[in-house]
Amino acid sequence: SAVRLPRPPRLYHHRELQQPLAAAAPTLLADIFGGLGGGVGGGLGGGGGFDPPMETWLPAQKGKGLQIEGRFLRRGPQLSMELRLRNNAMQQLNGFAVQFNKNSFGLAPAQPLAMNPLAPQQSVTTLLPLNTKGPVQKMDPLLTLQVAVKNNIDIFYFACLIPMYALFTEEGDMDKRVFLSTWKDIPPENETQFNLGSYAHDADTASTMLRSFNVFTIAKRSVESTDMLYQCVKLTNGILVLAELKIVPQTNAYTLSLKSRHVEIYPGVHEAYLAVLKG
């Protein structure tokens, strides 16, 4: 039977960095995507060097001795939740099971949690494969995931945030002409700009780092001493996000413009770019 999960407290408040944009000049894009060659495409190698940190999801004092740390990982097409469980209780813990509540992207365990009994003071790290075949319900915040973990002591509840980069699929590559027509088809009022800060990476390095998280560079151009990367992301639920990443070499300032028909995902995409670039 389904475990009813309480609504968690609001976990974060997105800093309002968005700046509405005027309509992008279509002639600039047409020039950039005109048949001049030089598009990067989706063939860049991985190896961005960003290793997401573990987060404490269930402190031992709330888990009656069970402590859970975790993170989301994507290895090729497989999305997983890496869990580190520690038994701080005075007795053995066993009979582990996990269940997710409805969530915005339909994340669900692809198999039962495979766990041997945990002796007192023992820790173990395990991978829980996930799929996106679960029930969907839009959450607030959008990336909230509510989790129930059962053992021989009790059922424990916690909420975590799915990093948006874990939802970027291998299907985000796109022909340059399709990118251009899609960009033009999305209303200009849907375009939002974020200042990402300054980084030492040049455009090629940034493109390679982002490609390792399935951000596909469709084209690259230099316009008035500014490097422009035109990029595409496809989420697990099929939503497309187009991006223009502007890099000014003199100051290393990065500016990200996003365009999609689903603007509610912009904060998560923005945070994903920050996480990967800060590496």
C-alpha atoms as a PDB file:
ATOM      1  CA  SER A   1       0.000   0.000   0.000  1.00  0.00           C
ATOM      2  CA  ALA A   2       1.155   3.528  -0.697  1.00  0.00           C
ATOM      3  CA  VAL A   3       2.872   5.438   2.086  1.00  0.00           C
ATOM      4  CA  ARG A   4       1.386   8.901   2.565  1.00  0.00           C
ATOM      5  CA  LEU A   5       4.143  11.464   2.833  1.00  0.00           C
ATOM      6  CA  PRO A   6       3.747  14.783   4.615  1.00  0.00           C
ATOM      7  CA  ARG A   7       4.418  17.956   2.683  1.00  0.00           C
ATOM      8  CA  PRO A   8       7.980  19.054   3.491  1.00  0.00           C
ATOM      9  CA  PRO A   9       8.968  22.574   4.462  1.00  0.00           C
ATOM     10  CA  ARG A  10       9.962  24.856   1.620  1.00  0.00           C
ATOM     11  CA  LEU A  11      13.575  23.984   0.982  1.00  0.00           C
ATOM     12  CA  TYR A  12      14.960  26.919  -0.917  1.00  0.00           C
ATOM     13  CA  HIS A  13      14.058  30.253  -2.363  1.00  0.00           C
ATOM     14  CA  HIS A  14      15.456  30.995  -5.793  1.00  0.00           C
ATOM     15  CA  ARG A  15      17.298  34.285  -5.872  1.00  0.00           C
ATOM     16  CA  GLU A  16      15.561  36.530  -8.325  1.00  0.00           C
ATOM     17  CA  LEU A  17      18.368  37.017 -10.819  1.00  0.00           C
ATOM     18  CA  GLN A  18      16.193  36.827 -13.883  1.00  0.00           C
ATOM     19  CA  GLN A  19      16.061  39.834 -16.166  1.00  0.00           C
ATOM     20  CA  PRO A  20      13.370  39.970 -18.874  1.00  0.00           C
ATOM     21  CA  LEU A  21      14.863  40.435 -22.318  1.00  0.00           C
ATOM     22  CA  ALA A  22      13.741  42.281 -25.365  1.00  0.00           C
ATOM     23  CA  ALA A  23      13.310  40.211 -28.485  1.00  0.00           C
ATOM     24  CA  ALA A  24      16.632  38.861 -29.756  1.00  0.00           C
ATOM     25  CA  ALA A  25      17.633  40.239 -33.096  1.00  0.00           C
ATOM     26  CA  PRO A  26      16.801  37.471 -35.571  1.00  0.00           C
ATOM     27  CA  THR A  27      19.374  38.782 -38.039  1.00  0.00           C
ATOM     28  CA  LEU A  28      22.203  38.099 -35.562  1.00  0.00           C
ATOM     29  CA  LEU A  29      21.072  34.512 -35.092  1.00  0.00           C
ATOM     30  CA  ALA A  30      20.625  34.078 -38.824  1.00  0.00           C
ATOM     31  CA  ASP A  31      24.182  35.315 -39.385  1.00  0.00           C
ATOM     32  CA  ILE A  32      25.545  33.015 -36.699  1.00  0.00           C
ATOM     33  CA  PHE A  33      23.724  30.004 -38.103  1.00  0.00           C
ATOM     34  CA  GLY A  34      24.244  30.971 -41.712  1.00  0.00           C
ATOM     35  CA  GLY A  35      26.135  28.390 -43.772  1.00  0.00           C
ATOM     36  CA  LEU A  36      29.575  29.470 -42.600  1.00  0.00           C
ATOM     37  CA  GLY A  37      30.525  26.158 -40.955  1.00  0.00           C
ATOM     38  CA  GLY A  38      32.204  25.905 -37.580  1.00  0.00           C
ATOM     39  CA  GLY A  39      29.294  24.505 -35.604  1.00  0.00           C
ATOM     40  CA  VAL A  40      30.415  22.423 -32.641  1.00  0.00           C
ATOM     41  CA  GLY A  41      27.534  19.970 -32.637  1.00  0.00           C
ATOM     42  CA  GLY A  42      27.136  17.245 -30.020  1.00  0.00           C
ATOM     43  CA  GLY A  43      30.374  15.379 -30.501  1.00  0.00           C
ATOM     44  CA  LEU A  44      32.407  16.910 -27.699  1.00  0.00           C
ATOM     45  CA  GLY A  45      34.002  14.639 -25.171  1.00  0.00           C
ATOM     46  CA  GLY A  46      32.986  14.465 -21.515  1.00  0.00           C
ATOM     47  CA  GLY A  47      35.128  14.900 -18.429  1.00  0.00           C
ATOM     48  CA  GLY A  48      33.909  18.162 -16.942  1.00  0.00           C
ATOM     49  CA  GLY A  49      35.431  17.342 -13.565  1.00  0.00           C
ATOM     50  CA  PHE A  50      32.320  18.238 -11.550  1.00  0.00           C
ATOM     51  CA  ASP A  51      31.608  15.661  -8.840  1.00  0.00           C
ATOM     52  CA  PRO A  52      28.335  16.437  -7.033  1.00  0.00           C
ATOM     53  CA  PRO A  53      28.759  16.385  -3.243  1.00  0.00           C
ATOM     54  CA  MET A  54      26.836  14.157  -0.858  1.00  0.00           C
ATOM     55  CA  GLU A  55      24.119  15.918   1.145  1.00  0.00           C
ATOM     56  CA  THR A  56      22.692  14.876   4.518  1.00  0.00           C
ATOM     57  CA  TRP A  57      19.063  14.015   3.814  1.00  0.00           C
ATOM     58  CA  LEU A  58      18.132  12.261   7.080  1.00  0.00           C
ATOM     59  CA  PRO A  59      20.133  13.178  10.209  1.00  0.00           C
ATOM     60  CA  ALA A  60      20.632  10.359  12.718  1.00  0.00           C
ATOM     61  CA  GLN A  61      18.600  12.166  15.396  1.00  0.00           C
ATOM     62  CA  LYS A  62      15.568  12.173  13.095  1.00  0.00           C
ATOM     63  CA  GLY A  63      16.165   8.614  11.864  1.00  0.00           C
ATOM     64  CA  LYS A  64      16.383   7.007  15.328  1.00  0.00           C
ATOM     65  CA  GLY A  65      20.031   6.302  14.647  1.00  0.00           C
ATOM     66  CA  LEU A  66      19.783   5.889  10.880  1.00  0.00           C
ATOM     67  CA  GLN A  67      21.681   8.574   8.970  1.00  0.00           C
ATOM     68  CA  ILE A  68      21.223   8.941   5.203  1.00  0.00           C
ATOM     69  CA  GLU A  69      23.387  11.005   2.894  1.00  0.00           C
ATOM     70  CA  GLY A  70      22.809  11.064  -0.831  1.00  0.00           C
ATOM     71  CA  ARG A  71      23.228  12.575  -4.254  1.00  0.00           C
ATOM     72  CA  PHE A  72      21.882  12.083  -7.771  1.00  0.00           C
ATOM     73  CA  LEU A  73      24.184  10.684 -10.454  1.00  0.00           C
ATOM     74  CA  ARG A  74      23.778  10.142 -14.179  1.00  0.00           C
ATOM     75  CA  ARG A  75      26.038   7.579 -15.845  1.00  0.00           C
ATOM     76  CA  GLY A  76      25.173   7.479 -19.520  1.00  0.00           C
ATOM     77  CA  PRO A  77      21.418   7.121 -19.810  1.00  0.00           C
ATOM     78  CA  GLN A  78      21.033   5.695 -16.276  1.00  0.00           C
ATOM     79  CA  LEU A  79      19.900   8.075 -13.520  1.00  0.00           C
ATOM     80  CA  SER A  80      20.626   6.816 -10.000  1.00  0.00           C
ATOM     81  CA  MET A  81      20.431   7.930  -6.402  1.00  0.00           C
ATOM     82  CA  GLU A  82      23.635   7.183  -4.523  1.00  0.00           C
ATOM     83  CA  LEU A  83      22.896   6.602  -0.851  1.00  0.00           C
ATOM     84  CA  ARG A  84      25.277   6.335   2.100  1.00  0.00           C
ATOM     85  CA  LEU A  85      23.525   4.810   5.103  1.00  0.00           C
ATOM     86  CA  ARG A  86      25.080   4.745   8.567  1.00  0.00           C
ATOM     87  CA  ASN A  87      23.739   2.959  11.643  1.00  0.00           C
ATOM     88  CA  ASN A  88      24.346   5.142  14.714  1.00  0.00           C
ATOM     89  CA  ALA A  89      21.885   3.094  16.790  1.00  0.00           C
ATOM     90  CA  MET A  90      22.724   0.406  19.354  1.00  0.00           C
ATOM     91  CA  GLN A  91      20.988  -2.390  17.427  1.00  0.00           C
ATOM     92  CA  GLN A  92      21.076  -3.904  13.980  1.00  0.00           C
ATOM     93  CA  LEU A  93      19.005  -2.224  11.257  1.00  0.00           C
ATOM     94  CA  ASN A  94      17.439  -4.354   8.529  1.00  0.00           C
ATOM     95  CA  GLY A  95      14.356  -4.729   6.324  1.00  0.00           C
ATOM     96  CA  PHE A  96      15.133  -1.614   4.260  1.00  0.00           C
ATOM     97  CA  ALA A  97      12.685  -0.331   1.643  1.00  0.00           C
ATOM     98  CA  VAL A  98      12.279   3.007  -0.131  1.00  0.00           C
ATOM     99  CA  GLN A  99       9.364   4.759  -1.789  1.00  0.00           C
ATOM    100  CA  PHE A 100       8.976   8.116  -3.570  1.00  0.00           C
ATOM    101  CA  ASN A 101       5.940  10.356  -3.512  1.00  0.00           C
ATOM    102  CA  LYS A 102       4.498  11.793  -6.719  1.00  0.00           C
ATOM    103  CA  ASN A 103       6.875  14.395  -8.145  1.00  0.00           C
ATOM    104  CA  SER A 104       7.253  16.799 -11.059  1.00  0.00           C
ATOM    105  CA  PHE A 105       9.315  14.474 -13.257  1.00  0.00           C
ATOM    106  CA  GLY A 106       7.870  11.068 -12.361  1.00  0.00           C
ATOM    107  CA  LEU A 107      11.048   9.829 -10.674  1.00  0.00           C
ATOM    108  CA  ALA A 108      10.663   6.392  -9.094  1.00  0.00           C
ATOM    109  CA  PRO A 109      12.973   3.566  -7.955  1.00  0.00           C
ATOM    110  CA  ALA A 110      13.661   1.201 -10.857  1.00  0.00           C
ATOM    111  CA  GLN A 111      14.206  -1.683  -8.418  1.00  0.00           C
ATOM    112  CA  PRO A 112      13.911  -2.363  -4.668  1.00  0.00           C
ATOM    113  CA  LEU A 113      16.615  -1.002  -2.378  1.00  0.00           C
ATOM    114  CA  ALA A 114      19.221  -3.785  -2.102  1.00  0.00           C
ATOM    115  CA  MET A 115      20.579  -3.549   1.451  1.00  0.00           C
ATOM    116  CA  ASN A 116      22.093  -6.096   3.806  1.00  0.00           C
ATOM    117  CA  PRO A 117      21.508  -5.632   7.550  1.00  0.00           C
ATOM    118  CA  LEU A 118      23.507  -2.770   9.061  1.00  0.00           C
ATOM    119  CA  ALA A 119      25.376  -3.493  12.295  1.00  0.00           C
ATOM    120  CA  PRO A 120      25.795  -0.704  14.881  1.00  0.00           C
ATOM    121  CA  GLN A 121      28.290   1.937  13.664  1.00  0.00           C
ATOM    122  CA  GLN A 122      28.446   0.329  10.202  1.00  0.00           C
ATOM    123  CA  SER A 123      28.167   2.416   7.016  1.00  0.00           C
ATOM    124  CA  VAL A 124      27.380   1.282   3.482  1.00  0.00           C
ATOM    125  CA  THR A 125      27.072   3.080   0.146  1.00  0.00           C
ATOM    126  CA  THR A 126      24.657   1.802  -2.475  1.00  0.00           C
ATOM    127  CA  LEU A 127      23.274   2.881  -5.848  1.00  0.00           C
ATOM    128  CA  LEU A 128      19.496   2.939  -6.357  1.00  0.00           C
ATOM    129  CA  PRO A 129      18.691   3.019 -10.102  1.00  0.00           C
ATOM    130  CA  LEU A 130      15.817   5.351 -10.983  1.00  0.00           C
ATOM    131  CA  ASN A 131      13.401   5.693 -13.869  1.00  0.00           C
ATOM    132  CA  THR A 132      10.856   8.350 -14.853  1.00  0.00           C
ATOM    133  CA  LYS A 133       7.843   6.031 -15.044  1.00  0.00           C
ATOM    134  CA  GLY A 134       6.334   7.059 -11.716  1.00  0.00           C
ATOM    135  CA  PRO A 135       3.245   9.211 -11.116  1.00  0.00           C
ATOM    136  CA  VAL A 136       3.649  12.904 -11.969  1.00  0.00           C
ATOM    137  CA  GLN A 137       2.482  15.803  -9.835  1.00  0.00           C
ATOM    138  CA  LYS A 138       3.883  19.308 -10.107  1.00  0.00           C
ATOM    139  CA  MET A 139       5.703  20.176  -6.904  1.00  0.00           C
ATOM    140  CA  ASP A 140       6.566  23.489  -5.268  1.00  0.00           C
ATOM    141  CA  PRO A 141       9.523  23.919  -5.437  1.00  0.00           C
ATOM    142  CA  LEU A 142       9.464  22.168  -8.805  1.00  0.00           C
ATOM    143  CA  LEU A 143      12.433  19.861  -8.090  1.00  0.00           C
ATOM    144  CA  THR A 144      11.253  18.623  -4.683  1.00  0.00           C
ATOM    145  CA  LEU A 145      11.361  14.869  -4.112  1.00  0.00           C
ATOM    146  CA  GLN A 146       9.668  13.420  -1.015  1.00  0.00           C
ATOM    147  CA  VAL A 147      11.079  10.072   0.119  1.00  0.00           C
ATOM    148  CA  ALA A 148      10.002   7.427   2.640  1.00  0.00           C
ATOM    149  CA  VAL A 149      12.554   4.911   3.966  1.00  0.00           C
ATOM    150  CA  LYS A 150      11.406   1.930   6.007  1.00  0.00           C
ATOM    151  CA  ASN A 151      13.447  -0.372   8.249  1.00  0.00           C
ATOM    152  CA  ASN A 152      12.795  -2.631  11.236  1.00  0.00           C
ATOM    153  CA  ILE A 153      12.547   0.395  13.552  1.00  0.00           C
ATOM    154  CA  ASP A 154      10.134   2.757  11.791  1.00  0.00           C
ATOM    155  CA  ILE A 155       9.281   4.633   8.587  1.00  0.00           C
ATOM    156  CA  PHE A 156      11.240   7.844   8.087  1.00  0.00           C
ATOM    157  CA  TYR A 157      10.462  10.743   5.748  1.00  0.00           C
ATOM    158  CA  PHE A 158      12.689  13.344   4.159  1.00  0.00           C
ATOM    159  CA  ALA A 159      12.606  15.722   1.213  1.00  0.00           C
ATOM    160  CA  CYS A 160      15.476  16.576  -1.132  1.00  0.00           C
ATOM    161  CA  LEU A 161      15.941  18.565  -4.305  1.00  0.00           C
ATOM    162  CA  ILE A 162      16.656  16.848  -7.623  1.00  0.00           C
ATOM    163  CA  PRO A 163      19.439  18.764  -9.393  1.00  0.00           C
ATOM    164  CA  MET A 164      18.206  19.731 -12.839  1.00  0.00           C
ATOM    165  CA  TYR A 165      21.419  18.522 -14.495  1.00  0.00           C
ATOM    166  CA  ALA A 166      20.503  14.957 -13.481  1.00  0.00           C
ATOM    167  CA  LEU A 167      17.449  15.265 -15.754  1.00  0.00           C
ATOM    168  CA  PHE A 168      19.404  16.335 -18.861  1.00  0.00           C
ATOM    169  CA  THR A 169      19.247  13.462 -21.371  1.00  0.00           C
ATOM    170  CA  GLU A 170      21.532  12.281 -24.175  1.00  0.00           C
ATOM    171  CA  GLU A 171      18.895  13.366 -26.721  1.00  0.00           C
ATOM    172  CA  GLY A 172      19.565  17.100 -26.608  1.00  0.00           C
ATOM    173  CA  ASP A 173      21.605  17.412 -29.793  1.00  0.00           C
ATOM    174  CA  MET A 174      19.913  19.305 -32.614  1.00  0.00           C
ATOM    175  CA  ASP A 175      20.522  20.370 -36.202  1.00  0.00           C
ATOM    176  CA  LYS A 176      21.480  24.043 -36.466  1.00  0.00           C
ATOM    177  CA  ARG A 177      18.517  24.844 -38.725  1.00  0.00           C
ATOM    178  CA  VAL A 178      16.121  23.207 -36.284  1.00  0.00           C
ATOM    179  CA  PHE A 179      17.695  25.178 -33.433  1.00  0.00           C
ATOM    180  CA  LEU A 180      17.238  28.443 -35.296  1.00  0.00           C
ATOM    181  CA  SER A 181      13.613  27.750 -36.230  1.00  0.00           C
ATOM    182  CA  THR A 182      12.813  26.572 -32.695  1.00  0.00           C
ATOM    183  CA  TRP A 183      14.413  29.689 -31.190  1.00  0.00           C
ATOM    184  CA  LYS A 184      12.302  31.892 -33.472  1.00  0.00           C
ATOM    185  CA  ASP A 185       9.120  29.938 -32.712  1.00  0.00           C
ATOM    186  CA  ILE A 186       9.383  30.474 -28.955  1.00  0.00           C
ATOM    187  CA  PRO A 187       7.813  33.827 -27.982  1.00  0.00           C
ATOM    188  CA  PRO A 188      10.413  36.527 -27.187  1.00  0.00           C
ATOM    189  CA  GLU A 189       8.760  37.210 -23.831  1.00  0.00           C
ATOM    190  CA  ASN A 190       9.855  33.690 -22.779  1.00  0.00           C
ATOM    191  CA  GLU A 191      13.517  34.672 -22.976  1.00  0.00           C
ATOM    192  CA  THR A 192      15.239  35.252 -19.634  1.00  0.00           C
ATOM    193  CA  GLN A 193      18.813  36.258 -18.872  1.00  0.00           C
ATOM    194  CA  PHE A 194      21.035  35.306 -15.939  1.00  0.00           C
ATOM    195  CA  ASN A 195      24.423  36.715 -14.961  1.00  0.00           C
ATOM    196  CA  LEU A 196      26.509  33.665 -14.028  1.00  0.00           C
ATOM    197  CA  GLY A 197      29.608  35.477 -12.761  1.00  0.00           C
ATOM    198  CA  SER A 198      33.196  35.159 -13.995  1.00  0.00           C
ATOM    199  CA  TYR A 199      35.180  31.986 -14.635  1.00  0.00           C
ATOM    200  CA  ALA A 200      38.674  31.190 -15.886  1.00  0.00           C
ATOM    201  CA  HIS A 201      37.337  28.718 -18.482  1.00  0.00           C
ATOM    202  CA  ASP A 202      37.463  29.689 -22.133  1.00  0.00           C
ATOM    203  CA  ALA A 203      34.520  28.912 -24.400  1.00  0.00           C
ATOM    204  CA  ASP A 204      35.845  25.516 -25.524  1.00  0.00           C
ATOM    205  CA  THR A 205      36.515  24.383 -21.964  1.00  0.00           C
ATOM    206  CA  ALA A 206      33.079  25.550 -20.820  1.00  0.00           C
ATOM    207  CA  SER A 207      31.480  23.734 -23.744  1.00  0.00           C
ATOM    208  CA  THR A 208      33.303  20.504 -22.859  1.00  0.00           C
ATOM    209  CA  MET A 209      32.374  20.784 -19.165  1.00  0.00           C
ATOM    210  CA  LEU A 210      28.719  21.334 -19.990  1.00  0.00           C
ATOM    211  CA  ARG A 211      28.703  18.583 -22.637  1.00  0.00           C
ATOM    212  CA  SER A 212      29.633  16.054 -19.941  1.00  0.00           C
ATOM    213  CA  PHE A 213      26.238  16.881 -18.398  1.00  0.00           C
ATOM    214  CA  ASN A 214      24.343  16.613 -21.702  1.00  0.00           C
ATOM    215  CA  VAL A 215      24.311  20.310 -22.532  1.00  0.00           C
ATOM    216  CA  PHE A 216      24.876  20.162 -26.298  1.00  0.00           C
ATOM    217  CA  THR A 217      26.666  23.004 -28.083  1.00  0.00           C
ATOM    218  CA  ILE A 218      24.930  23.423 -31.452  1.00  0.00           C
ATOM    219  CA  ALA A 219      27.044  26.306 -32.727  1.00  0.00           C
ATOM    220  CA  LYS A 220      29.854  28.590 -31.581  1.00  0.00           C
ATOM    221  CA  ARG A 221      30.686  32.031 -32.895  1.00  0.00           C
ATOM    222  CA  SER A 222      32.730  35.075 -31.947  1.00  0.00           C
ATOM    223  CA  VAL A 223      30.735  38.295 -32.254  1.00  0.00           C
ATOM    224  CA  GLU A 224      32.480  41.616 -31.557  1.00  0.00           C
ATOM    225  CA  SER A 225      35.194  39.976 -29.393  1.00  0.00           C
ATOM    226  CA  THR A 226      32.572  38.020 -27.451  1.00  0.00           C
ATOM    227  CA  ASP A 227      32.305  34.224 -27.632  1.00  0.00           C
ATOM    228  CA  MET A 228      28.775  32.917 -28.108  1.00  0.00           C
ATOM    229  CA  LEU A 229      27.766  29.292 -27.493  1.00  0.00           C
ATOM    230  CA  TYR A 230      24.318  28.212 -28.693  1.00  0.00           C
ATOM    231  CA  GLN A 231      23.215  25.205 -26.706  1.00  0.00           C
ATOM    232  CA  CYS A 232      20.325  22.813 -26.225  1.00  0.00           C
ATOM    233  CA  VAL A 233      19.104  20.613 -23.386  1.00  0.00           C
ATOM    234  CA  LYS A 234      16.354  18.000 -23.447  1.00  0.00           C
ATOM    235  CA  LEU A 235      14.842  16.922 -20.131  1.00  0.00           C
ATOM    236  CA  THR A 236      13.612  13.444 -19.255  1.00  0.00           C
ATOM    237  CA  ASN A 237      10.009  14.565 -19.848  1.00  0.00           C
ATOM    238  CA  GLY A 238      10.822  15.857 -23.337  1.00  0.00           C
ATOM    239  CA  ILE A 239      10.963  19.574 -22.504  1.00  0.00           C
ATOM    240  CA  LEU A 240      13.493  21.447 -24.657  1.00  0.00           C
ATOM    241  CA  VAL A 241      15.560  24.347 -23.374  1.00  0.00           C
ATOM    242  CA  LEU A 242      17.599  26.504 -25.765  1.00  0.00           C
ATOM    243  CA  ALA A 243      20.434  28.601 -24.436  1.00  0.00           C
ATOM    244  CA  GLU A 244      22.825  31.320 -25.505  1.00  0.00           C
ATOM    245  CA  LEU A 245      25.949  31.418 -23.364  1.00  0.00           C
ATOM    246  CA  LYS A 246      27.858  34.676 -23.828  1.00  0.00           C
ATOM    247  CA  ILE A 247      31.485  34.812 -22.657  1.00  0.00           C
ATOM    248  CA  VAL A 248      33.493  38.046 -22.681  1.00  0.00           C
ATOM    249  CA  PRO A 249      37.187  36.984 -22.735  1.00  0.00           C
ATOM    250  CA  GLN A 250      38.503  40.288 -21.346  1.00  0.00           C
ATOM    251  CA  THR A 251      36.475  39.992 -18.130  1.00  0.00           C
ATOM    252  CA  ASN A 252      35.601  36.254 -18.200  1.00  0.00           C
ATOM    253  CA  ALA A 253      32.007  37.329 -17.551  1.00  0.00           C
ATOM    254  CA  TYR A 254      29.378  34.711 -18.385  1.00  0.00           C
ATOM    255  CA  THR A 255      25.799  35.610 -19.319  1.00  0.00           C
ATOM    256  CA  LEU A 256      23.167  32.931 -19.916  1.00  0.00           C
ATOM    257  CA  SER A 257      19.988  33.506 -21.926  1.00  0.00           C
ATOM    258  CA  LEU A 258      17.346  30.766 -21.840  1.00  0.00           C
ATOM    259  CA  LYS A 259      14.405  30.156 -24.130  1.00  0.00           C
ATOM    260  CA  SER A 260      11.760  27.480 -23.635  1.00  0.00           C
ATOM    261  CA  ARG A 261       7.999  27.099 -23.694  1.00  0.00           C
ATOM    262  CA  HIS A 262       8.192  26.096 -20.016  1.00  0.00           C
ATOM    263  CA  VAL A 263       9.690  29.032 -18.138  1.00  0.00           C
ATOM    264  CA  GLU A 264       9.126  27.435 -14.728  1.00  0.00           C
ATOM    265  CA  ILE A 265      12.221  25.269 -15.290  1.00  0.00           C
ATOM    266  CA  TYR A 266      14.577  28.238 -15.735  1.00  0.00           C
ATOM    267  CA  PRO A 267      15.705  28.454 -12.081  1.00  0.00           C
ATOM    268  CA  GLY A 268      16.729  24.797 -12.114  1.00  0.00           C
ATOM    269  CA  VAL A 269      18.599  25.129 -15.424  1.00  0.00           C
ATOM    270  CA  HIS A 270      20.321  28.278 -14.139  1.00  0.00           C
ATOM    271  CA  GLU A 271      21.439  26.442 -10.982  1.00  0.00           C
ATOM    272  CA  ALA A 272      22.666  23.530 -13.131  1.00  0.00           C
ATOM    273  CA  TYR A 273      24.899  25.824 -15.199  1.00  0.00           C
ATOM    274  CA  LEU A 274      26.293  27.387 -12.013  1.00  0.00           C
ATOM    275  CA  ALA A 275      27.012  23.988 -10.443  1.00  0.00           C
ATOM    276  CA  VAL A 276      28.842  22.636 -13.505  1.00  0.00           C
ATOM    277  CA  LEU A 277      30.831  25.815 -14.219  1.00  0.00           C
ATOM    278  CA  LYS A 278      31.899  26.210 -10.585  1.00  0.00           C
ATOM    279  CA  GLY A 279      32.946  22.543 -10.784  1.00  0.00           C
END
